[in-house]
Amino acid sequence: MEKYTKHMNALVFFSLLLLGSFAIHVQASTQAGIGITAKAMCAEGRPPCRDNKCWRCLNGRCNGCLYSTFGECSSGCF
């Protein structure tokens, strides 16, 4: 039974490592400033923005359209 303890410890360790890696990836891709789906993306421009619309859709359904918030940009772009 003791020989399986090392295998179980290694399995738990690598599972936690994989979960941590996934969590970091998800957090990095959802931070404010940029959102990406396939090739489409919403990028936040630097102020001053035109008509208070700082979010620009790139390579999406409405390429080059400007939005006030990331949520609006996501809805119109993806």
PDB file of N, CA and C in Angstrom:
ATOM      1  N   MET A   1       0.810  -1.184   0.000  1.00  0.00           N
ATOM      2  CA  MET A   1       0.000   0.000   0.000  1.00  0.00           C
ATOM      3  C   MET A   1       0.862   1.261   0.000  1.00  0.00           C
ATOM      4  N   GLU A   2       2.032   1.202   0.644  1.00  0.00           N
ATOM      5  CA  GLU A   2       2.899   2.374   0.717  1.00  0.00           C
ATOM      6  C   GLU A   2       3.451   2.785  -0.639  1.00  0.00           C
ATOM      7  N   LYS A   3       3.641   1.833  -1.529  1.00  0.00           N
ATOM      8  CA  LYS A   3       4.206   2.191  -2.835  1.00  0.00           C
ATOM      9  C   LYS A   3       3.224   3.034  -3.657  1.00  0.00           C
ATOM     10  N   TYR A   4       1.923   2.947  -3.369  1.00  0.00           N
ATOM     11  CA  TYR A   4       0.937   3.750  -4.089  1.00  0.00           C
ATOM     12  C   TYR A   4       0.800   5.170  -3.525  1.00  0.00           C
ATOM     13  N   THR A   5       1.302   5.387  -2.312  1.00  0.00           N
ATOM     14  CA  THR A   5       1.223   6.710  -1.694  1.00  0.00           C
ATOM     15  C   THR A   5       2.002   7.727  -2.496  1.00  0.00           C
ATOM     16  N   LYS A   6       3.182   7.369  -2.966  1.00  0.00           N
ATOM     17  CA  LYS A   6       3.991   8.275  -3.783  1.00  0.00           C
ATOM     18  C   LYS A   6       3.279   8.609  -5.087  1.00  0.00           C
ATOM     19  N   HIS A   7       2.641   7.623  -5.689  1.00  0.00           N
ATOM     20  CA  HIS A   7       1.914   7.856  -6.930  1.00  0.00           C
ATOM     21  C   HIS A   7       0.732   8.799  -6.700  1.00  0.00           C
ATOM     22  N   MET A   8       0.033   8.618  -5.582  1.00  0.00           N
ATOM     23  CA  MET A   8      -1.108   9.468  -5.263  1.00  0.00           C
ATOM     24  C   MET A   8      -0.645  10.894  -4.981  1.00  0.00           C
ATOM     25  N   ASN A   9       0.449  11.034  -4.256  1.00  0.00           N
ATOM     26  CA  ASN A   9       0.983  12.370  -3.977  1.00  0.00           C
ATOM     27  C   ASN A   9       1.380  13.073  -5.276  1.00  0.00           C
ATOM     28  N   ALA A  10       2.016  12.355  -6.180  1.00  0.00           N
ATOM     29  CA  ALA A  10       2.411  12.932  -7.461  1.00  0.00           C
ATOM     30  C   ALA A  10       1.182  13.312  -8.283  1.00  0.00           C
ATOM     31  N   LEU A  11       0.161  12.489  -8.261  1.00  0.00           N
ATOM     32  CA  LEU A  11      -1.067  12.777  -8.993  1.00  0.00           C
ATOM     33  C   LEU A  11      -1.741  14.039  -8.457  1.00  0.00           C
ATOM     34  N   VAL A  12      -1.822  14.173  -7.145  1.00  0.00           N
ATOM     35  CA  VAL A  12      -2.415  15.365  -6.529  1.00  0.00           C
ATOM     36  C   VAL A  12      -1.583  16.591  -6.860  1.00  0.00           C
ATOM     37  N   PHE A  13      -0.268  16.478  -6.762  1.00  0.00           N
ATOM     38  CA  PHE A  13       0.619  17.601  -7.054  1.00  0.00           C
ATOM     39  C   PHE A  13       0.437  18.090  -8.492  1.00  0.00           C
ATOM     40  N   PHE A  14       0.470  17.198  -9.458  1.00  0.00           N
ATOM     41  CA  PHE A  14       0.353  17.595 -10.856  1.00  0.00           C
ATOM     42  C   PHE A  14      -1.062  18.094 -11.194  1.00  0.00           C
ATOM     43  N   SER A  15      -2.066  17.572 -10.511  1.00  0.00           N
ATOM     44  CA  SER A  15      -3.423  18.082 -10.713  1.00  0.00           C
ATOM     45  C   SER A  15      -3.532  19.526 -10.231  1.00  0.00           C
ATOM     46  N   LEU A  16      -2.966  19.815  -9.063  1.00  0.00           N
ATOM     47  CA  LEU A  16      -2.979  21.182  -8.542  1.00  0.00           C
ATOM     48  C   LEU A  16      -2.144  22.111  -9.416  1.00  0.00           C
ATOM     49  N   LEU A  17      -1.046  21.621  -9.926  1.00  0.00           N
ATOM     50  CA  LEU A  17      -0.195  22.415 -10.821  1.00  0.00           C
ATOM     51  C   LEU A  17      -0.963  22.772 -12.097  1.00  0.00           C
ATOM     52  N   LEU A  18      -1.654  21.820 -12.665  1.00  0.00           N
ATOM     53  CA  LEU A  18      -2.451  22.054 -13.868  1.00  0.00           C
ATOM     54  C   LEU A  18      -3.595  23.030 -13.582  1.00  0.00           C
ATOM     55  N   LEU A  19      -4.263  22.869 -12.461  1.00  0.00           N
ATOM     56  CA  LEU A  19      -5.354  23.766 -12.083  1.00  0.00           C
ATOM     57  C   LEU A  19      -4.838  25.195 -11.887  1.00  0.00           C
ATOM     58  N   GLY A  20      -3.700  25.345 -11.240  1.00  0.00           N
ATOM     59  CA  GLY A  20      -3.101  26.666 -11.045  1.00  0.00           C
ATOM     60  C   GLY A  20      -2.725  27.315 -12.353  1.00  0.00           C
ATOM     61  N   SER A  21      -2.169  26.542 -13.254  1.00  0.00           N
ATOM     62  CA  SER A  21      -1.791  27.058 -14.567  1.00  0.00           C
ATOM     63  C   SER A  21      -3.021  27.537 -15.333  1.00  0.00           C
ATOM     64  N   PHE A  22      -4.087  26.770 -15.275  1.00  0.00           N
ATOM     65  CA  PHE A  22      -5.327  27.148 -15.950  1.00  0.00           C
ATOM     66  C   PHE A  22      -5.907  28.425 -15.347  1.00  0.00           C
ATOM     67  N   ALA A  23      -5.886  28.526 -14.017  1.00  0.00           N
ATOM     68  CA  ALA A  23      -6.430  29.705 -13.342  1.00  0.00           C
ATOM     69  C   ALA A  23      -5.649  30.964 -13.720  1.00  0.00           C
ATOM     70  N   ILE A  24      -4.340  30.859 -13.814  1.00  0.00           N
ATOM     71  CA  ILE A  24      -3.514  32.003 -14.211  1.00  0.00           C
ATOM     72  C   ILE A  24      -3.834  32.409 -15.637  1.00  0.00           C
ATOM     73  N   HIS A  25      -3.997  31.446 -16.523  1.00  0.00           N
ATOM     74  CA  HIS A  25      -4.321  31.725 -17.924  1.00  0.00           C
ATOM     75  C   HIS A  25      -5.663  32.440 -18.034  1.00  0.00           C
ATOM     76  N   VAL A  26      -6.662  31.967 -17.312  1.00  0.00           N
ATOM     77  CA  VAL A  26      -7.990  32.578 -17.363  1.00  0.00           C
ATOM     78  C   VAL A  26      -7.939  33.991 -16.809  1.00  0.00           C
ATOM     79  N   GLN A  27      -7.233  34.189 -15.700  1.00  0.00           N
ATOM     80  CA  GLN A  27      -7.142  35.512 -15.100  1.00  0.00           C
ATOM     81  C   GLN A  27      -6.441  36.480 -16.038  1.00  0.00           C
ATOM     82  N   ALA A  28      -5.368  36.039 -16.682  1.00  0.00           N
ATOM     83  CA  ALA A  28      -4.619  36.913 -17.587  1.00  0.00           C
ATOM     84  C   ALA A  28      -5.449  37.303 -18.802  1.00  0.00           C
ATOM     85  N   SER A  29      -6.289  36.403 -19.292  1.00  0.00           N
ATOM     86  CA  SER A  29      -7.051  36.715 -20.496  1.00  0.00           C
ATOM     87  C   SER A  29      -8.305  37.532 -20.225  1.00  0.00           C
ATOM     88  N   THR A  30      -8.682  37.703 -18.950  1.00  0.00           N
ATOM     89  CA  THR A  30      -9.880  38.475 -18.651  1.00  0.00           C
ATOM     90  C   THR A  30      -9.578  39.788 -17.944  1.00  0.00           C
ATOM     91  N   GLN A  31      -8.314  40.159 -17.823  1.00  0.00           N
ATOM     92  CA  GLN A  31      -7.983  41.424 -17.171  1.00  0.00           C
ATOM     93  C   GLN A  31      -8.440  42.583 -18.040  1.00  0.00           C
ATOM     94  N   ALA A  32      -8.733  43.709 -17.389  1.00  0.00           N
ATOM     95  CA  ALA A  32      -9.164  44.908 -18.111  1.00  0.00           C
ATOM     96  C   ALA A  32      -8.064  45.360 -19.050  1.00  0.00           C
ATOM     97  N   GLY A  33      -8.461  45.881 -20.168  1.00  0.00           N
ATOM     98  CA  GLY A  33      -7.501  46.387 -21.142  1.00  0.00           C
ATOM     99  C   GLY A  33      -7.580  45.630 -22.449  1.00  0.00           C
ATOM    100  N   ILE A  34      -7.877  44.335 -22.393  1.00  0.00           N
ATOM    101  CA  ILE A  34      -7.958  43.586 -23.641  1.00  0.00           C
ATOM    102  C   ILE A  34      -8.785  42.320 -23.424  1.00  0.00           C
ATOM    103  N   GLY A  35      -9.586  41.979 -24.391  1.00  0.00           N
ATOM    104  CA  GLY A  35     -10.351  40.745 -24.359  1.00  0.00           C
ATOM    105  C   GLY A  35     -10.248  40.099 -25.733  1.00  0.00           C
ATOM    106  N   ILE A  36      -9.998  38.801 -25.772  1.00  0.00           N
ATOM    107  CA  ILE A  36      -9.745  38.144 -27.053  1.00  0.00           C
ATOM    108  C   ILE A  36     -10.627  36.906 -27.192  1.00  0.00           C
ATOM    109  N   THR A  37     -11.254  36.729 -28.332  1.00  0.00           N
ATOM    110  CA  THR A  37     -11.968  35.515 -28.682  1.00  0.00           C
ATOM    111  C   THR A  37     -11.614  35.207 -30.129  1.00  0.00           C
ATOM    112  N   ALA A  38     -11.045  34.040 -30.380  1.00  0.00           N
ATOM    113  CA  ALA A  38     -10.549  33.665 -31.710  1.00  0.00           C
ATOM    114  C   ALA A  38      -9.620  34.770 -32.195  1.00  0.00           C
ATOM    115  N   LYS A  39      -9.951  35.436 -33.299  1.00  0.00           N
ATOM    116  CA  LYS A  39      -9.103  36.517 -33.802  1.00  0.00           C
ATOM    117  C   LYS A  39      -9.676  37.882 -33.468  1.00  0.00           C
ATOM    118  N   ALA A  40     -10.909  37.934 -33.003  1.00  0.00           N
ATOM    119  CA  ALA A  40     -11.529  39.203 -32.641  1.00  0.00           C
ATOM    120  C   ALA A  40     -11.042  39.630 -31.265  1.00  0.00           C
ATOM    121  N   MET A  41     -10.947  40.934 -31.045  1.00  0.00           N
ATOM    122  CA  MET A  41     -10.527  41.426 -29.745  1.00  0.00           C
ATOM    123  C   MET A  41     -11.064  42.824 -29.491  1.00  0.00           C
ATOM    124  N   CYS A  42     -11.238  43.146 -28.213  1.00  0.00           N
ATOM    125  CA  CYS A  42     -11.607  44.487 -27.778  1.00  0.00           C
ATOM    126  C   CYS A  42     -10.389  45.084 -27.096  1.00  0.00           C
ATOM    127  N   ALA A  43      -9.950  46.226 -27.574  1.00  0.00           N
ATOM    128  CA  ALA A  43      -8.775  46.878 -27.005  1.00  0.00           C
ATOM    129  C   ALA A  43      -9.173  48.238 -26.451  1.00  0.00           C
ATOM    130  N   GLU A  44      -8.642  48.561 -25.273  1.00  0.00           N
ATOM    131  CA  GLU A  44      -8.938  49.837 -24.642  1.00  0.00           C
ATOM    132  C   GLU A  44      -7.912  50.861 -25.083  1.00  0.00           C
ATOM    133  N   GLY A  45      -8.400  51.962 -25.633  1.00  0.00           N
ATOM    134  CA  GLY A  45      -7.516  53.024 -26.077  1.00  0.00           C
ATOM    135  C   GLY A  45      -7.132  53.944 -24.938  1.00  0.00           C
ATOM    136  N   ARG A  46      -6.206  54.801 -25.191  1.00  0.00           N
ATOM    137  CA  ARG A  46      -5.765  55.763 -24.187  1.00  0.00           C
ATOM    138  C   ARG A  46      -6.620  57.021 -24.272  1.00  0.00           C
ATOM    139  N   PRO A  47      -6.985  57.583 -23.112  1.00  0.00           N
ATOM    140  CA  PRO A  47      -7.726  58.850 -23.125  1.00  0.00           C
ATOM    141  C   PRO A  47      -6.866  59.958 -23.721  1.00  0.00           C
ATOM    142  N   PRO A  48      -7.388  60.990 -24.308  1.00  0.00           N
ATOM    143  CA  PRO A  48      -8.817  61.236 -24.460  1.00  0.00           C
ATOM    144  C   PRO A  48      -9.401  60.364 -25.570  1.00  0.00           C
ATOM    145  N   CYS A  49     -10.577  59.865 -25.327  1.00  0.00           N
ATOM    146  CA  CYS A  49     -11.259  59.008 -26.293  1.00  0.00           C
ATOM    147  C   CYS A  49     -12.317  59.818 -27.032  1.00  0.00           C
ATOM    148  N   ARG A  50     -12.640  59.375 -28.230  1.00  0.00           N
ATOM    149  CA  ARG A  50     -13.656  60.056 -29.033  1.00  0.00           C
ATOM    150  C   ARG A  50     -15.048  59.756 -28.479  1.00  0.00           C
ATOM    151  N   ASP A  51     -15.810  60.794 -28.130  1.00  0.00           N
ATOM    152  CA  ASP A  51     -17.164  60.664 -27.595  1.00  0.00           C
ATOM    153  C   ASP A  51     -17.227  59.733 -26.376  1.00  0.00           C
ATOM    154  N   ASN A  52     -16.175  59.742 -25.562  1.00  0.00           N
ATOM    155  CA  ASN A  52     -16.088  58.910 -24.351  1.00  0.00           C
ATOM    156  C   ASN A  52     -16.187  57.417 -24.674  1.00  0.00           C
ATOM    157  N   LYS A  53     -15.782  57.041 -25.864  1.00  0.00           N
ATOM    158  CA  LYS A  53     -15.796  55.629 -26.269  1.00  0.00           C
ATOM    159  C   LYS A  53     -14.349  55.187 -26.446  1.00  0.00           C
ATOM    160  N   CYS A  54     -13.854  54.451 -25.446  1.00  0.00           N
ATOM    161  CA  CYS A  54     -12.438  54.069 -25.421  1.00  0.00           C
ATOM    162  C   CYS A  54     -12.185  52.636 -25.885  1.00  0.00           C
ATOM    163  N   TRP A  55     -13.221  51.828 -26.056  1.00  0.00           N
ATOM    164  CA  TRP A  55     -13.048  50.430 -26.441  1.00  0.00           C
ATOM    165  C   TRP A  55     -13.267  50.269 -27.938  1.00  0.00           C
ATOM    166  N   ARG A  56     -12.290  49.668 -28.620  1.00  0.00           N
ATOM    167  CA  ARG A  56     -12.345  49.481 -30.073  1.00  0.00           C
ATOM    168  C   ARG A  56     -12.354  47.988 -30.402  1.00  0.00           C
ATOM    169  N   CYS A  57     -13.268  47.606 -31.280  1.00  0.00           N
ATOM    170  CA  CYS A  57     -13.345  46.224 -31.766  1.00  0.00           C
ATOM    171  C   CYS A  57     -12.337  46.047 -32.901  1.00  0.00           C
ATOM    172  N   LEU A  58     -11.523  45.015 -32.800  1.00  0.00           N
ATOM    173  CA  LEU A  58     -10.547  44.716 -33.840  1.00  0.00           C
ATOM    174  C   LEU A  58     -10.783  43.308 -34.383  1.00  0.00           C
ATOM    175  N   ASN A  59     -10.887  43.176 -35.678  1.00  0.00           N
ATOM    176  CA  ASN A  59     -11.062  41.889 -36.370  1.00  0.00           C
ATOM    177  C   ASN A  59     -12.324  41.142 -35.954  1.00  0.00           C
ATOM    178  N   GLY A  60     -13.352  41.868 -35.549  1.00  0.00           N
ATOM    179  CA  GLY A  60     -14.593  41.222 -35.141  1.00  0.00           C
ATOM    180  C   GLY A  60     -15.718  41.522 -36.109  1.00  0.00           C
ATOM    181  N   ARG A  61     -16.949  41.321 -35.627  1.00  0.00           N
ATOM    182  CA  ARG A  61     -18.124  41.572 -36.466  1.00  0.00           C
ATOM    183  C   ARG A  61     -18.195  43.020 -36.907  1.00  0.00           C
ATOM    184  N   CYS A  62     -17.793  43.939 -36.042  1.00  0.00           N
ATOM    185  CA  CYS A  62     -17.851  45.366 -36.356  1.00  0.00           C
ATOM    186  C   CYS A  62     -16.435  45.932 -36.215  1.00  0.00           C
ATOM    187  N   ASN A  63     -15.589  45.617 -37.148  1.00  0.00           N
ATOM    188  CA  ASN A  63     -14.180  46.004 -37.080  1.00  0.00           C
ATOM    189  C   ASN A  63     -14.028  47.527 -37.048  1.00  0.00           C
ATOM    190  N   GLY A  64     -13.357  48.036 -36.017  1.00  0.00           N
ATOM    191  CA  GLY A  64     -13.110  49.464 -35.893  1.00  0.00           C
ATOM    192  C   GLY A  64     -14.178  50.234 -35.146  1.00  0.00           C
ATOM    193  N   CYS A  65     -15.281  49.589 -34.781  1.00  0.00           N
ATOM    194  CA  CYS A  65     -16.344  50.276 -34.040  1.00  0.00           C
ATOM    195  C   CYS A  65     -15.858  50.623 -32.636  1.00  0.00           C
ATOM    196  N   LEU A  66     -16.356  51.741 -32.113  1.00  0.00           N
ATOM    197  CA  LEU A  66     -15.978  52.212 -30.778  1.00  0.00           C
ATOM    198  C   LEU A  66     -17.119  52.019 -29.796  1.00  0.00           C
ATOM    199  N   TYR A  67     -16.779  51.689 -28.544  1.00  0.00           N
ATOM    200  CA  TYR A  67     -17.761  51.433 -27.497  1.00  0.00           C
ATOM    201  C   TYR A  67     -17.335  52.100 -26.201  1.00  0.00           C
ATOM    202  N   SER A  68     -18.305  52.356 -25.326  1.00  0.00           N
ATOM    203  CA  SER A  68     -18.047  53.001 -24.033  1.00  0.00           C
ATOM    204  C   SER A  68     -17.489  52.041 -22.998  1.00  0.00           C
ATOM    205  N   THR A  69     -17.916  50.781 -23.039  1.00  0.00           N
ATOM    206  CA  THR A  69     -17.484  49.805 -22.036  1.00  0.00           C
ATOM    207  C   THR A  69     -17.002  48.528 -22.713  1.00  0.00           C
ATOM    208  N   PHE A  70     -16.277  47.725 -21.929  1.00  0.00           N
ATOM    209  CA  PHE A  70     -15.820  46.440 -22.454  1.00  0.00           C
ATOM    210  C   PHE A  70     -17.001  45.524 -22.765  1.00  0.00           C
ATOM    211  N   GLY A  71     -18.042  45.572 -21.924  1.00  0.00           N
ATOM    212  CA  GLY A  71     -19.234  44.734 -22.148  1.00  0.00           C
ATOM    213  C   GLY A  71     -19.913  45.057 -23.470  1.00  0.00           C
ATOM    214  N   GLU A  72     -20.056  46.342 -23.762  1.00  0.00           N
ATOM    215  CA  GLU A  72     -20.650  46.750 -25.049  1.00  0.00           C
ATOM    216  C   GLU A  72     -19.785  46.287 -26.210  1.00  0.00           C
ATOM    217  N   CYS A  73     -18.493  46.432 -26.043  1.00  0.00           N
ATOM    218  CA  CYS A  73     -17.570  46.026 -27.108  1.00  0.00           C
ATOM    219  C   CYS A  73     -17.657  44.517 -27.339  1.00  0.00           C
ATOM    220  N   SER A  74     -17.696  43.746 -26.255  1.00  0.00           N
ATOM    221  CA  SER A  74     -17.792  42.292 -26.383  1.00  0.00           C
ATOM    222  C   SER A  74     -19.065  41.891 -27.120  1.00  0.00           C
ATOM    223  N   SER A  75     -20.180  42.529 -26.764  1.00  0.00           N
ATOM    224  CA  SER A  75     -21.448  42.198 -27.401  1.00  0.00           C
ATOM    225  C   SER A  75     -21.433  42.528 -28.891  1.00  0.00           C
ATOM    226  N   GLY A  76     -20.844  43.647 -29.254  1.00  0.00           N
ATOM    227  CA  GLY A  76     -20.839  44.069 -30.649  1.00  0.00           C
ATOM    228  C   GLY A  76     -19.747  43.434 -31.480  1.00  0.00           C
ATOM    229  N   CYS A  77     -18.697  42.996 -30.835  1.00  0.00           N
ATOM    230  CA  CYS A  77     -17.519  42.524 -31.572  1.00  0.00           C
ATOM    231  C   CYS A  77     -17.501  41.004 -31.759  1.00  0.00           C
ATOM    232  N   PHE A  78     -17.880  40.270 -30.717  1.00  0.00           N
ATOM    233  CA  PHE A  78     -17.722  38.811 -30.771  1.00  0.00           C
ATOM    234  C   PHE A  78     -18.935  38.154 -31.348  1.00  0.00           C
TER     235      PHE A  78
END
